[in-house]
């Protein structure tokens, strides 16, 4: 089962520098990562590495349109007289975009279904304004926590704690 490691930084600049440092170290592996921050208004911003439904829909629609248009062209649509080829390829691209968009949206929702949105919201409520957090989903938190503490010591991390997901 994945575990969550929460790391709170004194500033966004420090978080960015620490994240760059962590990404250069061999042996530190994350399943997922997110950055949580609280605005002056109290609104929580979550930047994560997931694919949202809109991105999935756009990617699926684009790929579906291209595949359908090329498929119809490959079946001989270019041999149709007059504007028949344009109508056939255009109709196929439109149908492919619709089907691909729906498929991409569903696939992205299924992939994101394993997320920890409730946990992220709970963690974000604990944040102070101007003190962003890095949330890492890892498999070996017990082994990784001491390494992270050592590597991040120079960045004046305010909090590093392990939270069991699920």
Protein backbone atom coordinates (compact mmCIF):
# COMPACT_ATOMS: atom_id res chain seq x y z
CA UNK A 1 0.00 0.00 0.00
CA UNK A 2 1.27 3.47 -0.88
CA UNK A 3 2.08 5.91 1.87
CA UNK A 4 2.08 9.67 1.78
CA UNK A 5 4.99 11.85 2.87
CA UNK A 6 4.12 15.47 3.60
CA UNK A 7 6.93 18.03 3.42
CA UNK A 8 6.17 21.66 4.33
CA UNK A 9 8.55 24.37 3.14
CA UNK A 10 9.04 27.96 4.34
CA UNK A 11 8.51 29.40 0.83
CA UNK A 12 7.74 28.54 -2.79
CA UNK A 13 11.30 29.37 -3.80
CA UNK A 14 12.69 26.93 -1.26
CA UNK A 15 10.26 24.22 -2.40
CA UNK A 16 11.32 24.70 -6.03
CA UNK A 17 15.02 24.47 -5.16
CA UNK A 18 14.47 21.40 -2.96
CA UNK A 19 12.38 19.68 -5.63
CA UNK A 20 15.12 20.29 -8.20
CA UNK A 21 17.64 18.84 -5.76
CA UNK A 22 15.49 15.76 -5.04
CA UNK A 23 14.95 15.05 -8.72
CA UNK A 24 18.72 14.84 -9.24
CA UNK A 25 19.27 12.17 -6.56
CA UNK A 26 19.37 8.52 -7.60
CA UNK A 27 17.37 6.11 -5.50
CA UNK A 28 14.57 8.48 -4.56
CA UNK A 29 11.44 7.33 -6.36
CA UNK A 30 7.91 8.68 -6.05
CA UNK A 31 4.73 7.02 -7.29
CA UNK A 32 2.90 10.37 -7.46
CA UNK A 33 3.66 13.93 -6.43
CA UNK A 34 1.61 17.05 -5.73
CA UNK A 35 2.27 20.55 -4.49
CA UNK A 36 -0.26 22.12 -2.14
CA UNK A 37 -0.43 25.83 -1.40
CA UNK A 38 -2.85 28.13 0.40
CA UNK A 39 -3.61 31.56 -1.05
CA UNK A 40 -4.33 34.70 0.99
CA UNK A 41 -8.02 34.11 0.34
CA UNK A 42 -7.73 30.67 1.94
CA UNK A 43 -8.19 28.88 -1.39
CA UNK A 44 -6.15 25.71 -1.74
CA UNK A 45 -4.24 25.10 -4.96
CA UNK A 46 -3.22 21.57 -5.86
CA UNK A 47 -0.69 21.01 -8.63
CA UNK A 48 -0.26 17.33 -9.33
CA UNK A 49 1.17 15.04 -11.96
CA UNK A 50 -2.13 13.46 -12.98
CA UNK A 51 -4.01 13.63 -16.22
CA UNK A 52 -7.36 15.34 -15.84
CA UNK A 53 -10.53 14.52 -17.70
CA UNK A 54 -10.15 17.56 -19.98
CA UNK A 55 -6.60 16.63 -20.99
CA UNK A 56 -7.73 13.05 -21.64
CA UNK A 57 -10.65 14.24 -23.72
CA UNK A 58 -8.50 16.55 -25.86
CA UNK A 59 -5.81 13.93 -26.40
CA UNK A 60 -8.35 11.21 -27.18
CA UNK A 61 -10.32 13.47 -29.53
CA UNK A 62 -7.23 14.53 -31.44
CA UNK A 63 -5.96 10.99 -31.80
CA UNK A 64 -9.44 9.70 -32.71
CA UNK A 65 -9.90 12.34 -35.42
CA UNK A 66 -6.50 11.62 -36.95
CA UNK A 67 -6.99 7.84 -36.90
CA UNK A 68 -10.49 8.01 -38.38
CA UNK A 69 -9.48 10.45 -41.14
CA UNK A 70 -6.44 8.39 -42.10
CA UNK A 71 -8.48 5.17 -41.91
CA UNK A 72 -11.16 6.44 -44.28
CA UNK A 73 -8.51 7.85 -46.64
CA UNK A 74 -6.76 4.48 -46.58
CA UNK A 75 -10.02 2.73 -47.50
CA UNK A 76 -10.19 4.70 -50.75
CA UNK A 77 -12.12 7.85 -49.87
CA UNK A 78 -9.69 9.90 -51.96
CA UNK A 79 -11.01 8.11 -55.05
CA UNK A 80 -14.52 9.56 -54.58
CA UNK A 81 -15.48 12.15 -57.23
CA UNK A 82 -15.85 15.87 -56.46
CA UNK A 83 -16.07 16.92 -52.85
CA UNK A 84 -17.05 13.41 -51.79
CA UNK A 85 -13.54 12.74 -50.50
CA UNK A 86 -13.58 15.89 -48.33
CA UNK A 87 -17.03 15.04 -46.93
CA UNK A 88 -16.05 11.41 -46.21
CA UNK A 89 -12.76 12.29 -44.52
CA UNK A 90 -14.30 15.24 -42.62
CA UNK A 91 -17.20 13.11 -41.36
CA UNK A 92 -14.84 10.36 -40.27
CA UNK A 93 -12.60 12.85 -38.46
CA UNK A 94 -15.60 14.33 -36.64
CA UNK A 95 -16.88 10.91 -35.58
CA UNK A 96 -13.38 9.86 -34.52
CA UNK A 97 -12.97 13.04 -32.48
CA UNK A 98 -16.25 12.46 -30.63
CA UNK A 99 -15.53 8.80 -29.88
CA UNK A 100 -11.88 9.49 -29.02
CA UNK A 101 -12.81 12.42 -26.77
CA UNK A 102 -15.30 10.34 -24.81
CA UNK A 103 -12.85 7.45 -24.55
CA UNK A 104 -10.02 9.76 -23.43
CA UNK A 105 -12.22 11.37 -20.76
CA UNK A 106 -13.33 7.99 -19.40
CA UNK A 107 -9.76 6.65 -19.40
CA UNK A 108 -8.44 9.72 -17.56
CA UNK A 109 -11.20 9.42 -14.96
CA UNK A 110 -10.36 5.74 -14.43
CA UNK A 111 -6.65 6.48 -14.10
CA UNK A 112 -7.30 9.26 -11.62
CA UNK A 113 -9.77 7.15 -9.62
CA UNK A 114 -6.93 5.89 -7.43
CA UNK A 115 -6.08 9.42 -6.26
CA UNK A 116 -6.17 10.56 -2.65
CA UNK A 117 -8.29 13.72 -3.03
CA UNK A 118 -9.78 13.56 0.48
CA UNK A 119 -6.35 13.10 2.00
CA UNK A 120 -4.92 15.99 -0.02
CA UNK A 121 -7.76 18.25 1.13
CA UNK A 122 -7.17 17.24 4.76
CA UNK A 123 -3.45 17.96 4.43
CA UNK A 124 -4.10 21.27 2.67
CA UNK A 125 -6.30 22.45 5.55
CA UNK A 126 -3.25 22.21 7.81
CA UNK A 127 -1.20 24.56 5.64
CA UNK A 128 -0.44 28.17 6.43
CA UNK A 129 -0.44 30.86 3.77
CA UNK A 130 2.96 31.13 2.06
CA UNK A 131 4.15 27.73 3.30
CA UNK A 132 3.63 25.28 0.42
CA UNK A 133 3.83 21.53 0.85
CA UNK A 134 5.15 18.75 -1.30
CA UNK A 135 3.03 15.61 -1.04
CA UNK A 136 4.71 12.41 -2.23
CA UNK A 137 3.07 9.04 -2.69
CA UNK A 138 5.71 6.37 -2.12
CA UNK A 139 5.91 2.62 -1.57
CA UNK A 140 8.84 2.57 0.85
CA UNK A 141 8.19 5.56 3.11
CA UNK A 142 9.89 3.90 6.09
CA UNK A 143 13.19 3.73 4.17
CA UNK A 144 12.76 6.97 2.27
CA UNK A 145 11.89 9.26 5.21
CA UNK A 146 15.41 9.36 6.76
CA UNK A 147 16.96 9.96 3.33
CA UNK A 148 14.56 12.83 2.64
CA UNK A 149 15.23 14.36 6.06
CA UNK A 150 18.97 14.29 5.43
CA UNK A 151 18.74 15.59 1.85
CA UNK A 152 16.34 18.40 2.76
CA UNK A 153 18.10 19.56 5.94
CA UNK A 154 19.73 22.49 4.13
CA UNK A 155 16.32 23.73 2.91
CA UNK A 156 14.97 24.50 6.42
CA UNK A 157 11.98 22.21 5.97
CA UNK A 158 9.30 22.97 8.56
CA UNK A 159 7.74 19.51 8.63
CA UNK A 160 8.36 16.06 7.19
CA UNK A 161 5.90 13.40 8.24
CA UNK A 162 4.58 10.09 6.99
CA UNK A 163 0.82 9.68 6.59
CA UNK A 164 -0.73 6.33 5.76
CA UNK A 165 -2.96 6.56 2.67
CA UNK A 166 -6.30 4.83 2.43
